[in-house]
Amino acid sequence: MQVLKEDIRGRILAVAEQQFGQKGYSKTSMREIAGAVGVGVGNIYNYFRSKDELFHEVVYPVLYAMEAMLQEHHGIR
């Protein structure tokens, strides 16, 4: 059974979020993320050019959501 690319990408993001949250950026490795997802480390680079890009994809949606909540709470538009 072939796994869809979006499924793999989503799993990478979910595992990366967990790893970054538990260990922080510097102690999280692409190899550990790949192992937890069940793909080769090289395969992650088909989805994300670097650890920095992966971190950005994990963190920025949260930051944008927090910013929106703060703006709504303080009446800023």
PDB file of N, CA and C in Angstrom:
ATOM      1  N   MET A   1       0.844  -1.183   0.000  1.00  0.00           N
ATOM      2  CA  MET A   1       0.000   0.000   0.000  1.00  0.00           C
ATOM      3  C   MET A   1       0.891   1.249   0.000  1.00  0.00           C
ATOM      4  N   GLN A   2       0.635   2.122  -0.932  1.00  0.00           N
ATOM      5  CA  GLN A   2       1.429   3.340  -1.045  1.00  0.00           C
ATOM      6  C   GLN A   2       0.910   4.402  -0.079  1.00  0.00           C
ATOM      7  N   VAL A   3       1.827   5.013   0.638  1.00  0.00           N
ATOM      8  CA  VAL A   3       1.466   6.076   1.569  1.00  0.00           C
ATOM      9  C   VAL A   3       1.479   7.389   0.803  1.00  0.00           C
ATOM     10  N   LEU A   4       0.431   8.178   0.954  1.00  0.00           N
ATOM     11  CA  LEU A   4       0.336   9.447   0.250  1.00  0.00           C
ATOM     12  C   LEU A   4       1.366  10.434   0.772  1.00  0.00           C
ATOM     13  N   LYS A   5       1.888  11.256  -0.143  1.00  0.00           N
ATOM     14  CA  LYS A   5       2.901  12.239   0.237  1.00  0.00           C
ATOM     15  C   LYS A   5       2.408  13.172   1.329  1.00  0.00           C
ATOM     16  N   GLU A   6       1.157  13.594   1.254  1.00  0.00           N
ATOM     17  CA  GLU A   6       0.624  14.499   2.280  1.00  0.00           C
ATOM     18  C   GLU A   6       0.543  13.809   3.637  1.00  0.00           C
ATOM     19  N   ASP A   7       0.293  12.501   3.634  1.00  0.00           N
ATOM     20  CA  ASP A   7       0.282  11.756   4.899  1.00  0.00           C
ATOM     21  C   ASP A   7       1.672  11.739   5.528  1.00  0.00           C
ATOM     22  N   ILE A   8       2.688  11.490   4.706  1.00  0.00           N
ATOM     23  CA  ILE A   8       4.059  11.476   5.220  1.00  0.00           C
ATOM     24  C   ILE A   8       4.435  12.859   5.718  1.00  0.00           C
ATOM     25  N   ARG A   9       4.111  13.882   4.933  1.00  0.00           N
ATOM     26  CA  ARG A   9       4.431  15.256   5.333  1.00  0.00           C
ATOM     27  C   ARG A   9       3.764  15.584   6.671  1.00  0.00           C
ATOM     28  N   GLY A  10       2.509  15.198   6.820  1.00  0.00           N
ATOM     29  CA  GLY A  10       1.783  15.440   8.066  1.00  0.00           C
ATOM     30  C   GLY A  10       2.399  14.702   9.241  1.00  0.00           C
ATOM     31  N   ARG A  11       2.838  13.470   9.007  1.00  0.00           N
ATOM     32  CA  ARG A  11       3.489  12.700  10.073  1.00  0.00           C
ATOM     33  C   ARG A  11       4.817  13.329  10.463  1.00  0.00           C
ATOM     34  N   ILE A  12       5.562  13.806   9.466  1.00  0.00           N
ATOM     35  CA  ILE A  12       6.832  14.482   9.762  1.00  0.00           C
ATOM     36  C   ILE A  12       6.572  15.704  10.632  1.00  0.00           C
ATOM     37  N   LEU A  13       5.580  16.505  10.263  1.00  0.00           N
ATOM     38  CA  LEU A  13       5.259  17.708  11.037  1.00  0.00           C
ATOM     39  C   LEU A  13       4.828  17.359  12.459  1.00  0.00           C
ATOM     40  N   ALA A  14       4.005  16.325  12.602  1.00  0.00           N
ATOM     41  CA  ALA A  14       3.519  15.938  13.932  1.00  0.00           C
ATOM     42  C   ALA A  14       4.665  15.469  14.826  1.00  0.00           C
ATOM     43  N   VAL A  15       5.536  14.637  14.286  1.00  0.00           N
ATOM     44  CA  VAL A  15       6.671  14.140  15.068  1.00  0.00           C
ATOM     45  C   VAL A  15       7.633  15.280  15.382  1.00  0.00           C
ATOM     46  N   ALA A  16       7.886  16.135  14.404  1.00  0.00           N
ATOM     47  CA  ALA A  16       8.791  17.268  14.631  1.00  0.00           C
ATOM     48  C   ALA A  16       8.247  18.178  15.723  1.00  0.00           C
ATOM     49  N   GLU A  17       6.954  18.428  15.700  1.00  0.00           N
ATOM     50  CA  GLU A  17       6.345  19.266  16.738  1.00  0.00           C
ATOM     51  C   GLU A  17       6.574  18.656  18.116  1.00  0.00           C
ATOM     52  N   GLN A  18       6.362  17.360  18.211  1.00  0.00           N
ATOM     53  CA  GLN A  18       6.562  16.660  19.481  1.00  0.00           C
ATOM     54  C   GLN A  18       8.029  16.733  19.917  1.00  0.00           C
ATOM     55  N   GLN A  19       8.935  16.443  18.992  1.00  0.00           N
ATOM     56  CA  GLN A  19      10.364  16.434  19.318  1.00  0.00           C
ATOM     57  C   GLN A  19      10.866  17.829  19.690  1.00  0.00           C
ATOM     58  N   PHE A  20      10.510  18.838  18.899  1.00  0.00           N
ATOM     59  CA  PHE A  20      10.936  20.202  19.211  1.00  0.00           C
ATOM     60  C   PHE A  20      10.376  20.639  20.563  1.00  0.00           C
ATOM     61  N   GLY A  21       9.139  20.261  20.838  1.00  0.00           N
ATOM     62  CA  GLY A  21       8.518  20.627  22.109  1.00  0.00           C
ATOM     63  C   GLY A  21       9.185  19.962  23.303  1.00  0.00           C
ATOM     64  N   GLN A  22       9.574  18.712  23.143  1.00  0.00           N
ATOM     65  CA  GLN A  22      10.178  17.966  24.246  1.00  0.00           C
ATOM     66  C   GLN A  22      11.654  18.282  24.448  1.00  0.00           C
ATOM     67  N   LYS A  23      12.397  18.398  23.341  1.00  0.00           N
ATOM     68  CA  LYS A  23      13.853  18.504  23.442  1.00  0.00           C
ATOM     69  C   LYS A  23      14.415  19.847  23.009  1.00  0.00           C
ATOM     70  N   GLY A  24      13.598  20.658  22.385  1.00  0.00           N
ATOM     71  CA  GLY A  24      14.107  21.920  21.862  1.00  0.00           C
ATOM     72  C   GLY A  24      14.723  21.737  20.488  1.00  0.00           C
ATOM     73  N   TYR A  25      14.984  22.848  19.842  1.00  0.00           N
ATOM     74  CA  TYR A  25      15.504  22.832  18.473  1.00  0.00           C
ATOM     75  C   TYR A  25      16.873  22.165  18.388  1.00  0.00           C
ATOM     76  N   SER A  26      17.798  22.579  19.204  1.00  0.00           N
ATOM     77  CA  SER A  26      19.187  22.123  19.048  1.00  0.00           C
ATOM     78  C   SER A  26      19.382  20.643  19.370  1.00  0.00           C
ATOM     79  N   LYS A  27      18.545  20.084  20.231  1.00  0.00           N
ATOM     80  CA  LYS A  27      18.704  18.679  20.605  1.00  0.00           C
ATOM     81  C   LYS A  27      17.836  17.744  19.771  1.00  0.00           C
ATOM     82  N   THR A  28      17.100  18.288  18.832  1.00  0.00           N
ATOM     83  CA  THR A  28      16.278  17.482  17.935  1.00  0.00           C
ATOM     84  C   THR A  28      17.048  17.267  16.642  1.00  0.00           C
ATOM     85  N   SER A  29      17.102  16.022  16.186  1.00  0.00           N
ATOM     86  CA  SER A  29      17.809  15.737  14.935  1.00  0.00           C
ATOM     87  C   SER A  29      16.832  15.247  13.869  1.00  0.00           C
ATOM     88  N   MET A  30      17.200  15.521  12.636  1.00  0.00           N
ATOM     89  CA  MET A  30      16.394  15.050  11.511  1.00  0.00           C
ATOM     90  C   MET A  30      16.384  13.522  11.492  1.00  0.00           C
ATOM     91  N   ARG A  31      17.468  12.910  11.889  1.00  0.00           N
ATOM     92  CA  ARG A  31      17.551  11.446  11.924  1.00  0.00           C
ATOM     93  C   ARG A  31      16.541  10.868  12.920  1.00  0.00           C
ATOM     94  N   GLU A  32      16.414  11.480  14.083  1.00  0.00           N
ATOM     95  CA  GLU A  32      15.439  11.013  15.081  1.00  0.00           C
ATOM     96  C   GLU A  32      14.012  11.192  14.572  1.00  0.00           C
ATOM     97  N   ILE A  33      13.753  12.309  13.938  1.00  0.00           N
ATOM     98  CA  ILE A  33      12.420  12.555  13.380  1.00  0.00           C
ATOM     99  C   ILE A  33      12.111  11.500  12.330  1.00  0.00           C
ATOM    100  N   ALA A  34      13.061  11.266  11.434  1.00  0.00           N
ATOM    101  CA  ALA A  34      12.866  10.267  10.380  1.00  0.00           C
ATOM    102  C   ALA A  34      12.589   8.888  10.975  1.00  0.00           C
ATOM    103  N   GLY A  35      13.358   8.513  11.982  1.00  0.00           N
ATOM    104  CA  GLY A  35      13.165   7.211  12.614  1.00  0.00           C
ATOM    105  C   GLY A  35      11.788   7.065  13.231  1.00  0.00           C
ATOM    106  N   ALA A  36      11.320   8.111  13.888  1.00  0.00           N
ATOM    107  CA  ALA A  36       9.996   8.068  14.518  1.00  0.00           C
ATOM    108  C   ALA A  36       8.882   8.024  13.479  1.00  0.00           C
ATOM    109  N   VAL A  37       9.111   8.641  12.333  1.00  0.00           N
ATOM    110  CA  VAL A  37       8.109   8.639  11.259  1.00  0.00           C
ATOM    111  C   VAL A  37       8.142   7.312  10.502  1.00  0.00           C
ATOM    112  N   GLY A  38       9.318   6.690  10.471  1.00  0.00           N
ATOM    113  CA  GLY A  38       9.465   5.435   9.742  1.00  0.00           C
ATOM    114  C   GLY A  38       9.918   5.630   8.308  1.00  0.00           C
ATOM    115  N   VAL A  39      10.650   6.711   8.065  1.00  0.00           N
ATOM    116  CA  VAL A  39      11.201   6.981   6.738  1.00  0.00           C
ATOM    117  C   VAL A  39      12.702   7.209   6.874  1.00  0.00           C
ATOM    118  N   GLY A  40      13.407   7.148   5.765  1.00  0.00           N
ATOM    119  CA  GLY A  40      14.828   7.464   5.773  1.00  0.00           C
ATOM    120  C   GLY A  40      15.030   8.957   5.950  1.00  0.00           C
ATOM    121  N   VAL A  41      16.156   9.316   6.562  1.00  0.00           N
ATOM    122  CA  VAL A  41      16.415  10.736   6.810  1.00  0.00           C
ATOM    123  C   VAL A  41      16.448  11.513   5.498  1.00  0.00           C
ATOM    124  N   GLY A  42      16.960  10.918   4.443  1.00  0.00           N
ATOM    125  CA  GLY A  42      16.987  11.594   3.146  1.00  0.00           C
ATOM    126  C   GLY A  42      15.603  11.903   2.623  1.00  0.00           C
ATOM    127  N   ASN A  43      14.636  11.077   2.990  1.00  0.00           N
ATOM    128  CA  ASN A  43      13.259  11.294   2.529  1.00  0.00           C
ATOM    129  C   ASN A  43      12.664  12.572   3.115  1.00  0.00           C
ATOM    130  N   ILE A  44      13.048  12.934   4.318  1.00  0.00           N
ATOM    131  CA  ILE A  44      12.535  14.169   4.924  1.00  0.00           C
ATOM    132  C   ILE A  44      12.916  15.369   4.076  1.00  0.00           C
ATOM    133  N   TYR A  45      14.106  15.300   3.484  1.00  0.00           N
ATOM    134  CA  TYR A  45      14.579  16.424   2.674  1.00  0.00           C
ATOM    135  C   TYR A  45      13.834  16.539   1.343  1.00  0.00           C
ATOM    136  N   ASN A  46      13.011  15.559   1.003  1.00  0.00           N
ATOM    137  CA  ASN A  46      12.103  15.698  -0.140  1.00  0.00           C
ATOM    138  C   ASN A  46      10.937  16.615   0.209  1.00  0.00           C
ATOM    139  N   TYR A  47      10.680  16.785   1.488  1.00  0.00           N
ATOM    140  CA  TYR A  47       9.556  17.594   1.961  1.00  0.00           C
ATOM    141  C   TYR A  47      10.002  18.934   2.539  1.00  0.00           C
ATOM    142  N   PHE A  48      11.162  18.960   3.167  1.00  0.00           N
ATOM    143  CA  PHE A  48      11.681  20.168   3.824  1.00  0.00           C
ATOM    144  C   PHE A  48      13.163  20.298   3.481  1.00  0.00           C
ATOM    145  N   ARG A  49      13.575  21.473   3.051  1.00  0.00           N
ATOM    146  CA  ARG A  49      14.961  21.679   2.621  1.00  0.00           C
ATOM    147  C   ARG A  49      15.960  21.594   3.763  1.00  0.00           C
ATOM    148  N   SER A  50      15.502  21.884   4.972  1.00  0.00           N
ATOM    149  CA  SER A  50      16.425  21.924   6.106  1.00  0.00           C
ATOM    150  C   SER A  50      15.652  21.773   7.413  1.00  0.00           C
ATOM    151  N   LYS A  51      16.386  21.585   8.475  1.00  0.00           N
ATOM    152  CA  LYS A  51      15.790  21.547   9.812  1.00  0.00           C
ATOM    153  C   LYS A  51      15.149  22.892  10.126  1.00  0.00           C
ATOM    154  N   ASP A  52      15.786  23.973   9.696  1.00  0.00           N
ATOM    155  CA  ASP A  52      15.224  25.313   9.908  1.00  0.00           C
ATOM    156  C   ASP A  52      13.860  25.459   9.242  1.00  0.00           C
ATOM    157  N   GLU A  53      13.746  24.979   8.010  1.00  0.00           N
ATOM    158  CA  GLU A  53      12.465  25.072   7.307  1.00  0.00           C
ATOM    159  C   GLU A  53      11.400  24.238   8.014  1.00  0.00           C
ATOM    160  N   LEU A  54      11.760  23.054   8.456  1.00  0.00           N
ATOM    161  CA  LEU A  54      10.825  22.199   9.186  1.00  0.00           C
ATOM    162  C   LEU A  54      10.378  22.883  10.475  1.00  0.00           C
ATOM    163  N   PHE A  55      11.319  23.452  11.205  1.00  0.00           N
ATOM    164  CA  PHE A  55      10.992  24.168  12.436  1.00  0.00           C
ATOM    165  C   PHE A  55      10.035  25.321  12.143  1.00  0.00           C
ATOM    166  N   HIS A  56      10.307  26.059  11.093  1.00  0.00           N
ATOM    167  CA  HIS A  56       9.445  27.171  10.680  1.00  0.00           C
ATOM    168  C   HIS A  56       8.024  26.674  10.421  1.00  0.00           C
ATOM    169  N   GLU A  57       7.901  25.573   9.710  1.00  0.00           N
ATOM    170  CA  GLU A  57       6.580  25.019   9.393  1.00  0.00           C
ATOM    171  C   GLU A  57       5.833  24.566  10.649  1.00  0.00           C
ATOM    172  N   VAL A  58       6.557  24.139  11.658  1.00  0.00           N
ATOM    173  CA  VAL A  58       5.945  23.700  12.916  1.00  0.00           C
ATOM    174  C   VAL A  58       5.538  24.896  13.770  1.00  0.00           C
ATOM    175  N   VAL A  59       6.411  25.883  13.879  1.00  0.00           N
ATOM    176  CA  VAL A  59       6.233  26.969  14.844  1.00  0.00           C
ATOM    177  C   VAL A  59       5.344  28.104  14.340  1.00  0.00           C
ATOM    178  N   TYR A  60       5.479  28.492  13.095  1.00  0.00           N
ATOM    179  CA  TYR A  60       4.780  29.679  12.630  1.00  0.00           C
ATOM    180  C   TYR A  60       3.257  29.596  12.696  1.00  0.00           C
ATOM    181  N   PRO A  61       2.622  28.473  12.385  1.00  0.00           N
ATOM    182  CA  PRO A  61       1.159  28.437  12.551  1.00  0.00           C
ATOM    183  C   PRO A  61       0.716  28.729  13.988  1.00  0.00           C
ATOM    184  N   VAL A  62       1.495  28.258  14.949  1.00  0.00           N
ATOM    185  CA  VAL A  62       1.179  28.516  16.359  1.00  0.00           C
ATOM    186  C   VAL A  62       1.350  30.000  16.668  1.00  0.00           C
ATOM    187  N   LEU A  63       2.433  30.582  16.186  1.00  0.00           N
ATOM    188  CA  LEU A  63       2.673  32.009  16.424  1.00  0.00           C
ATOM    189  C   LEU A  63       1.589  32.873  15.792  1.00  0.00           C
ATOM    190  N   TYR A  64       1.187  32.530  14.575  1.00  0.00           N
ATOM    191  CA  TYR A  64       0.130  33.296  13.911  1.00  0.00           C
ATOM    192  C   TYR A  64      -1.193  33.177  14.664  1.00  0.00           C
ATOM    193  N   ALA A  65      -1.502  31.992  15.161  1.00  0.00           N
ATOM    194  CA  ALA A  65      -2.736  31.799  15.925  1.00  0.00           C
ATOM    195  C   ALA A  65      -2.699  32.603  17.217  1.00  0.00           C
ATOM    196  N   MET A  66      -1.554  32.617  17.883  1.00  0.00           N
ATOM    197  CA  MET A  66      -1.426  33.401  19.116  1.00  0.00           C
ATOM    198  C   MET A  66      -1.562  34.890  18.823  1.00  0.00           C
ATOM    199  N   GLU A  67      -0.956  35.340  17.747  1.00  0.00           N
ATOM    200  CA  GLU A  67      -1.053  36.745  17.367  1.00  0.00           C
ATOM    201  C   GLU A  67      -2.506  37.131  17.088  1.00  0.00           C
ATOM    202  N   ALA A  68      -3.229  36.261  16.387  1.00  0.00           N
ATOM    203  CA  ALA A  68      -4.633  36.526  16.089  1.00  0.00           C
ATOM    204  C   ALA A  68      -5.461  36.594  17.367  1.00  0.00           C
ATOM    205  N   MET A  69      -5.189  35.708  18.314  1.00  0.00           N
ATOM    206  CA  MET A  69      -5.923  35.730  19.584  1.00  0.00           C
ATOM    207  C   MET A  69      -5.633  37.003  20.361  1.00  0.00           C
ATOM    208  N   LEU A  70      -4.378  37.415  20.382  1.00  0.00           N
ATOM    209  CA  LEU A  70      -4.017  38.657  21.075  1.00  0.00           C
ATOM    210  C   LEU A  70      -4.681  39.863  20.424  1.00  0.00           C
ATOM    211  N   GLN A  71      -4.686  39.895  19.109  1.00  0.00           N
ATOM    212  CA  GLN A  71      -5.318  41.003  18.405  1.00  0.00           C
ATOM    213  C   GLN A  71      -6.816  41.041  18.688  1.00  0.00           C
ATOM    214  N   GLU A  72      -7.439  39.867  18.684  1.00  0.00           N
ATOM    215  CA  GLU A  72      -8.872  39.799  18.969  1.00  0.00           C
ATOM    216  C   GLU A  72      -9.153  40.232  20.404  1.00  0.00           C
ATOM    217  N   HIS A  73      -8.337  39.779  21.325  1.00  0.00           N
ATOM    218  CA  HIS A  73      -8.527  40.102  22.740  1.00  0.00           C
ATOM    219  C   HIS A  73      -8.362  41.596  23.006  1.00  0.00           C
ATOM    220  N   HIS A  74      -7.421  42.208  22.324  1.00  0.00           N
ATOM    221  CA  HIS A  74      -7.142  43.627  22.539  1.00  0.00           C
ATOM    222  C   HIS A  74      -7.851  44.527  21.530  1.00  0.00           C
ATOM    223  N   GLY A  75      -8.687  43.946  20.692  1.00  0.00           N
ATOM    224  CA  GLY A  75      -9.457  44.736  19.736  1.00  0.00           C
ATOM    225  C   GLY A  75      -8.636  45.347  18.621  1.00  0.00           C
ATOM    226  N   ILE A  76      -7.493  44.762  18.320  1.00  0.00           N
ATOM    227  CA  ILE A  76      -6.637  45.270  17.251  1.00  0.00           C
ATOM    228  C   ILE A  76      -7.004  44.551  15.963  1.00  0.00           C
ATOM    229  N   ARG A  77      -7.145  45.291  14.930  1.00  0.00           N
ATOM    230  CA  ARG A  77      -7.474  44.685  13.624  1.00  0.00           C
ATOM    231  C   ARG A  77      -6.460  45.065  12.597  1.00  0.00           C
TER     232      ARG A  77
END
